[in-house]
Protein backbone atom coordinates (compact mmCIF):
# COMPACT_ATOMS: atom_id res chain seq x y z
CA ARG A 1 42.82 13.12 -57.83
CA ILE A 2 45.63 12.69 -60.27
CA PHE A 3 43.41 11.19 -63.00
CA PRO A 4 39.88 12.64 -62.98
CA GLY A 5 37.27 10.10 -64.05
CA ALA A 6 39.61 7.16 -63.43
CA SER A 7 38.47 3.96 -61.75
CA ARG A 8 40.69 1.45 -60.05
CA ASP A 9 40.49 -2.25 -59.33
CA ASP A 10 42.54 -3.09 -56.24
CA GLU A 11 42.19 -6.82 -56.88
CA THR A 12 43.84 -6.71 -60.31
CA LEU A 13 45.92 -3.57 -59.60
CA THR A 14 44.35 -1.93 -62.64
CA LEU A 15 43.67 1.73 -63.28
CA ARG A 16 41.20 2.66 -66.02
CA VAL A 17 41.52 6.21 -67.31
CA PRO A 18 38.94 7.41 -69.83
CA SER A 19 40.40 9.27 -72.78
CA ASP A 20 39.62 10.33 -76.30
CA THR A 21 42.54 8.03 -77.34
CA GLY A 22 44.21 10.85 -79.23
CA THR A 23 47.99 10.92 -79.09
CA LYS A 24 47.95 14.19 -77.12
CA SER A 25 45.78 12.60 -74.42
CA LEU A 26 47.97 9.52 -74.23
CA ARG A 27 51.11 11.65 -74.06
CA ALA A 28 49.55 13.75 -71.28
CA LEU A 29 48.68 10.59 -69.37
CA LEU A 30 52.25 9.29 -69.61
CA ASP A 31 53.61 12.71 -68.59
CA ARG A 32 51.33 12.64 -65.53
CA LEU A 33 52.63 9.20 -64.57
CA ASP A 34 56.18 10.55 -64.78
CA GLU A 35 55.27 13.70 -62.85
CA TYR A 36 54.02 11.66 -59.90
CA ALA A 37 56.72 8.96 -60.24
CA ILE A 38 54.12 6.26 -60.88
CA ALA A 39 55.58 3.15 -62.48
CA ALA A 40 53.36 1.13 -64.81
CA ASP A 41 54.19 -2.53 -65.43
CA GLU A 42 51.88 -2.61 -68.44
CA PHE A 43 50.07 -0.05 -70.54
CA SER A 44 47.29 -0.78 -73.01
CA VAL A 45 44.68 1.10 -74.96
CA HIS A 46 41.18 -0.33 -75.17
CA THR A 47 38.67 0.91 -77.71
CA PRO A 48 35.15 0.56 -76.29
CA ASP A 49 32.81 -1.91 -77.95
CA LEU A 50 29.02 -2.16 -77.70
CA ASP A 51 29.26 -4.17 -74.46
CA ASP A 52 31.26 -1.34 -72.88
CA VAL A 53 28.70 1.21 -74.03
CA PHE A 54 25.84 -0.90 -72.64
CA LEU A 55 27.62 -1.21 -69.29
CA ALA A 56 28.30 2.53 -69.14
CA LEU A 57 24.66 3.36 -69.88
CA THR A 58 22.93 0.73 -67.74
CA GLY A 59 25.44 -0.21 -65.05
CA HIS A 60 24.98 -3.90 -65.97
CA ASP A 61 26.93 -6.11 -68.33
CA THR A 62 25.19 -7.71 -71.29
CA GLU A 63 25.22 -11.19 -69.70
CA ALA A 64 23.19 -9.88 -66.75
CA ALA A 65 20.65 -8.47 -69.20
CA LEU A 66 19.93 -11.87 -70.75
């Protein structure tokens, strides 16, 4: 795998790559995209919120828990 720990969504053509969001990690990610000639139409950084933490720990979103 090019991006260990990554998950993809074929429906939305999205790749989620976990990171510590430090600039070195982001730079390494961009370098890896260049290394494998992978073009990205968009790039965004998402800081996890409590809903993301709940999903990661339980495997269910908060709406399903209600």
